[in-house]
């Protein structure tokens, strides 16, 4: 990341921490776990596919990171927070006093 920003590693880490309040590594882990949470809630993908899509690597790494940071295993999280479907754009814009448009 520092190379992409054309900075020394030390300067980049200092400026990143000033801007976000956390280190680049911690921030990246949090972002990857947010992706994994979303996939656990909204898909039936395997743990290996979720780990790969979130950039965590393997299902073993996903279980380790997830349990360490979230406090429960990915499978327990999925059972507790699984949403059957994502709301459609029409559902999100629906107002109670309006009639839904025919699909």
C-alpha atoms as a PDB file:
ATOM      1  CA  UNK A   1       0.000   0.000   0.000  1.00  0.00           C
ATOM      2  CA  UNK A   2       2.840   2.349   0.827  1.00  0.00           C
ATOM      3  CA  UNK A   3       4.414   1.807  -2.598  1.00  0.00           C
ATOM      4  CA  UNK A   4       1.094   2.532  -4.320  1.00  0.00           C
ATOM      5  CA  UNK A   5       0.833   5.772  -2.346  1.00  0.00           C
ATOM      6  CA  UNK A   6       4.474   6.627  -3.221  1.00  0.00           C
ATOM      7  CA  UNK A   7       5.416   6.878   0.465  1.00  0.00           C
ATOM      8  CA  UNK A   8       7.793   5.164   2.783  1.00  0.00           C
ATOM      9  CA  UNK A   9       6.179   2.420   4.851  1.00  0.00           C
ATOM     10  CA  UNK A  10       6.685   4.350   8.075  1.00  0.00           C
ATOM     11  CA  UNK A  11       5.096   7.550   6.717  1.00  0.00           C
ATOM     12  CA  UNK A  12       2.211   5.631   5.171  1.00  0.00           C
ATOM     13  CA  UNK A  13       1.432   3.760   8.401  1.00  0.00           C
ATOM     14  CA  UNK A  14       1.572   6.977  10.416  1.00  0.00           C
ATOM     15  CA  UNK A  15      -0.727   8.866   8.013  1.00  0.00           C
ATOM     16  CA  UNK A  16      -3.077   5.889   7.674  1.00  0.00           C
ATOM     17  CA  UNK A  17      -3.390   5.624  11.455  1.00  0.00           C
ATOM     18  CA  UNK A  18      -4.023   9.385  11.716  1.00  0.00           C
ATOM     19  CA  UNK A  19      -6.779   9.163   9.088  1.00  0.00           C
ATOM     20  CA  UNK A  20      -8.485   5.942  10.211  1.00  0.00           C
ATOM     21  CA  UNK A  21      -7.475   5.412  13.825  1.00  0.00           C
ATOM     22  CA  UNK A  22      -6.089   1.963  13.074  1.00  0.00           C
ATOM     23  CA  UNK A  23      -3.190   0.274  11.315  1.00  0.00           C
ATOM     24  CA  UNK A  24      -3.425  -0.752   7.654  1.00  0.00           C
ATOM     25  CA  UNK A  25      -3.308  -4.442   8.593  1.00  0.00           C
ATOM     26  CA  UNK A  26      -6.102  -4.152  11.145  1.00  0.00           C
ATOM     27  CA  UNK A  27      -8.200  -2.082   8.742  1.00  0.00           C
ATOM     28  CA  UNK A  28      -7.709  -4.636   5.962  1.00  0.00           C
ATOM     29  CA  UNK A  29      -8.689  -7.514   8.250  1.00  0.00           C
ATOM     30  CA  UNK A  30     -11.846  -5.635   9.298  1.00  0.00           C
ATOM     31  CA  UNK A  31     -12.772  -5.038   5.644  1.00  0.00           C
ATOM     32  CA  UNK A  32     -12.257  -8.699   4.793  1.00  0.00           C
ATOM     33  CA  UNK A  33     -14.378  -9.775   7.752  1.00  0.00           C
ATOM     34  CA  UNK A  34     -17.160  -7.386   6.668  1.00  0.00           C
ATOM     35  CA  UNK A  35     -17.169  -9.052   3.245  1.00  0.00           C
ATOM     36  CA  UNK A  36     -17.238 -12.494   4.870  1.00  0.00           C
ATOM     37  CA  UNK A  37     -20.139 -11.456   7.141  1.00  0.00           C
ATOM     38  CA  UNK A  38     -22.122 -10.188   4.179  1.00  0.00           C
ATOM     39  CA  UNK A  39     -21.526 -13.402   2.238  1.00  0.00           C
ATOM     40  CA  UNK A  40     -22.453 -15.536   5.242  1.00  0.00           C
ATOM     41  CA  UNK A  41     -25.692 -13.578   5.647  1.00  0.00           C
ATOM     42  CA  UNK A  42     -26.726 -13.494   2.008  1.00  0.00           C
ATOM     43  CA  UNK A  43     -25.365 -16.587   0.243  1.00  0.00           C
ATOM     44  CA  UNK A  44     -25.054 -20.316   0.669  1.00  0.00           C
ATOM     45  CA  UNK A  45     -21.445 -20.351  -0.563  1.00  0.00           C
ATOM     46  CA  UNK A  46     -19.058 -22.783   1.073  1.00  0.00           C
ATOM     47  CA  UNK A  47     -16.583 -21.537   3.665  1.00  0.00           C
ATOM     48  CA  UNK A  48     -13.747 -22.041   1.155  1.00  0.00           C
ATOM     49  CA  UNK A  49     -15.505 -19.855  -1.453  1.00  0.00           C
ATOM     50  CA  UNK A  50     -16.284 -17.165   1.130  1.00  0.00           C
ATOM     51  CA  UNK A  51     -12.696 -17.172   2.405  1.00  0.00           C
ATOM     52  CA  UNK A  52     -11.400 -16.817  -1.145  1.00  0.00           C
ATOM     53  CA  UNK A  53     -13.873 -14.056  -2.082  1.00  0.00           C
ATOM     54  CA  UNK A  54     -13.068 -12.103   1.088  1.00  0.00           C
ATOM     55  CA  UNK A  55      -9.324 -12.398   0.528  1.00  0.00           C
ATOM     56  CA  UNK A  56      -8.780 -14.485   3.662  1.00  0.00           C
ATOM     57  CA  UNK A  57      -7.418 -17.510   1.823  1.00  0.00           C
ATOM     58  CA  UNK A  58      -8.700 -20.764   3.243  1.00  0.00           C
ATOM     59  CA  UNK A  59     -11.699 -21.894   5.253  1.00  0.00           C
ATOM     60  CA  UNK A  60      -9.331 -22.617   8.136  1.00  0.00           C
ATOM     61  CA  UNK A  61      -8.085 -19.021   8.106  1.00  0.00           C
ATOM     62  CA  UNK A  62     -11.666 -17.775   7.877  1.00  0.00           C
ATOM     63  CA  UNK A  63     -12.643 -19.794  10.951  1.00  0.00           C
ATOM     64  CA  UNK A  64      -9.611 -18.574  12.903  1.00  0.00           C
ATOM     65  CA  UNK A  65      -9.997 -14.883  12.000  1.00  0.00           C
ATOM     66  CA  UNK A  66     -13.763 -14.894  12.310  1.00  0.00           C
ATOM     67  CA  UNK A  67     -13.868 -16.621  15.687  1.00  0.00           C
ATOM     68  CA  UNK A  68     -11.067 -14.420  17.014  1.00  0.00           C
ATOM     69  CA  UNK A  69     -12.615 -11.114  15.881  1.00  0.00           C
ATOM     70  CA  UNK A  70     -16.357 -11.794  15.943  1.00  0.00           C
ATOM     71  CA  UNK A  71     -16.518 -14.221  18.857  1.00  0.00           C
ATOM     72  CA  UNK A  72     -18.433 -17.028  17.120  1.00  0.00           C
ATOM     73  CA  UNK A  73     -17.617 -19.418  14.305  1.00  0.00           C
ATOM     74  CA  UNK A  74     -18.711 -18.554  10.762  1.00  0.00           C
ATOM     75  CA  UNK A  75     -21.244 -21.407  10.717  1.00  0.00           C
ATOM     76  CA  UNK A  76     -22.886 -20.241  13.948  1.00  0.00           C
ATOM     77  CA  UNK A  77     -22.907 -16.673  12.632  1.00  0.00           C
ATOM     78  CA  UNK A  78     -24.588 -17.853   9.432  1.00  0.00           C
ATOM     79  CA  UNK A  79     -27.274 -19.744  11.366  1.00  0.00           C
ATOM     80  CA  UNK A  80     -28.035 -16.680  13.492  1.00  0.00           C
ATOM     81  CA  UNK A  81     -27.946 -13.963  10.838  1.00  0.00           C
ATOM     82  CA  UNK A  82     -28.813 -15.630   7.524  1.00  0.00           C
ATOM     83  CA  UNK A  83     -31.196 -13.569   5.406  1.00  0.00           C
ATOM     84  CA  UNK A  84     -33.204 -15.527   2.880  1.00  0.00           C
ATOM     85  CA  UNK A  85     -32.960 -12.938   0.129  1.00  0.00           C
ATOM     86  CA  UNK A  86     -31.644  -9.476  -0.366  1.00  0.00           C
ATOM     87  CA  UNK A  87     -34.299  -6.790  -0.705  1.00  0.00           C
ATOM     88  CA  UNK A  88     -34.772  -5.564  -4.225  1.00  0.00           C
ATOM     89  CA  UNK A  89     -34.360  -1.933  -5.194  1.00  0.00           C
ATOM     90  CA  UNK A  90     -38.158  -1.699  -5.572  1.00  0.00           C
ATOM     91  CA  UNK A  91     -38.659  -3.036  -2.050  1.00  0.00           C
ATOM     92  CA  UNK A  92     -36.168  -0.545  -0.655  1.00  0.00           C
ATOM     93  CA  UNK A  93     -37.954   2.377  -2.309  1.00  0.00           C
ATOM     94  CA  UNK A  94     -41.484   1.179  -1.421  1.00  0.00           C
ATOM     95  CA  UNK A  95     -43.457   3.620   0.721  1.00  0.00           C
ATOM     96  CA  UNK A  96     -46.258   2.187   2.931  1.00  0.00           C
ATOM     97  CA  UNK A  97     -48.854   4.534   1.471  1.00  0.00           C
ATOM     98  CA  UNK A  98     -48.001   3.502  -2.109  1.00  0.00           C
ATOM     99  CA  UNK A  99     -49.230   0.464  -3.966  1.00  0.00           C
ATOM    100  CA  UNK A 100     -46.405  -1.709  -5.213  1.00  0.00           C
ATOM    101  CA  UNK A 101     -45.964  -1.638  -8.975  1.00  0.00           C
ATOM    102  CA  UNK A 102     -46.652  -4.923 -10.769  1.00  0.00           C
ATOM    103  CA  UNK A 103     -43.532  -6.893 -11.564  1.00  0.00           C
END
